[in-house]
Amino acid sequence: MKKIERRAFLCLILAGALILGLGVYVVRYVLYGSRWASFAANRHLYNSQGQLSVGRVLDRDGDVLSWADEEGTRHYYENAIVRTATLHAVGDAQGKIGTGALTAFAGQLSGYNLFTGAYSPLGNGNDLYLTIDARLNYMAYQALNGRKGAVGVYNYKTGEILCMMSSPSYDPLNPPEDADTNPAYDGVYLNRFLSGTFPPGSVFKTVTLAGAIENIPDLFSRTWTCTGSTTVGGEAITCPYAHGELDIYGALASSCNGVFAQLAAELGPEQMTRYTQQAGLTSSYSVSGLTSAAGKFDFSGSTGQLGWAGVGQYNDLANPCAIMVYMGAIAQGGKAAVPRLILKTEHPLRLPSLPQWSSQTGTLIESTTAAAMADMMYRNVLDTYGAGRFPNMDICAKSGTAEVGGGNSPHAWFAGFLRNPDAPYAFVVLVENGGSGADVAGSVAATVLDGLVNGY
């Protein structure tokens, strides 16, 4: 009898292990089945050159950006500049662009589902509509004019990314043979908007400002005198020129390093860390399954170094996508939609696809603080950047000129948002070694936003 009981107990253990193992498999199948089916070795989906041989990639307006013919050969849009401008969104046939749809969304393009796997009754996969507008990417690429950088524009209510352009880039139909050795293509496979981090310069002053508004009671009644150099913690914090007497509005509009270094020192490292984390600049976003880079900030140094960190220098590194989302949160009273790149998918038999839900961030900034900052950023445009550059736009913005050392020109930033009811867009522009943020990056932003708001 005891032998039977032992055997029965052993059978129960084996049955439990089987059920547990089956459960683990089912969970992993649901989570990762699409990735398994779209593995490049699957010859049902990839041709002999390793190119995805099914599915079409389209922009939000239905322009077909890439497709495969009956032989499985991959084709691209007819215009070479459009192909180049949308490379990091669409991808290349060789799979070197990790954020491109041909690699990142191969499962959706294949027509994969939980019940039939990658089987497609017509054998040609799905139509995948991206949220981007190819014409905006075209305009952004032209405006960058061969310079390295990134341009992003998204709807902070729905999360739809309308423009995602990274440079340098190349024509996927004519990839350069020297891409790995030519300095002009340095980092060409990197999507700078999603995967890069850069010194943010003065666009980070918006974070320092948020902390100051909420913790320094007399902030709006104070005045400062900028002589071009301010001593903070025994270290000289310099400005390009003397700004004279300033209140906090003038300090933001003229982007006075001395004032914001003093504010950062007064807030202290713990508060600066808290507000930077709350702003989402040290976190990653899942953009339709693509993980954005997390920024890095160091407020642990001397008081002088803390001052420089408070103006977006020292060891600060920020991701352009995260900056854009933070701008969207200021526009929308504290929270913004998480960015997404997939608009919809269409089955060959026109079967309905799962809806693409929008999700919201946590509270990146308190609502009253956001409202005050939006008005101050609006005054930036009126007093400094020039509202005439942005016709028919209720625009709030902050420029940044980030010193990078080594004798190189500074990075140029321009970030902000529109408050037009019919144009709820946040944006970010980074021009590596571009010089003046307001002039260089601001001009790129003006071109792209003009096309978006006023027509092409």
Foldseek 3Di string as FASTA:
>chain_A
DVVVVVVVVVVVVVVVVVVVVVVVVVVCCQVCLLVVLLPLVNCLQAPPLSFGQAFWEAEPVGHTAWFHDPNSDIDGDPDQLLQFLCCLAQHARNCLQCNHCRHVVVSQQLQADSPPGSDAPVSHGWYFYWLEDSVLSSLLVVLLPLFFWWKWKAFQAAQHTHHTGGPDTGRSVCDDPCLPPDPSNVCHSDRQQFENKDQAFQLLLLLLLLLCVVPPVCLQVDKDWFQQWAAWLNDTFGDPGTPGIDGVLSCQLSVPLRVQLVSQLVSADVSSVVLCVLLVFQHWAQAQNDTGHHWDADCPDGSNLSSQSSRRANRTIGRNNSSQQSQLCLLVQFKTWGHYTTQAMAGPVRDHDDHDHIDMDHGSGHRVSSVVQQVSQLVSCVPPLDCVLAPPFSWGKGWGFYDDDPPAATKTKIWHFTNPPVGGMTMIIIGHSQHYNSPSRVNSVSSSNCCVPVND
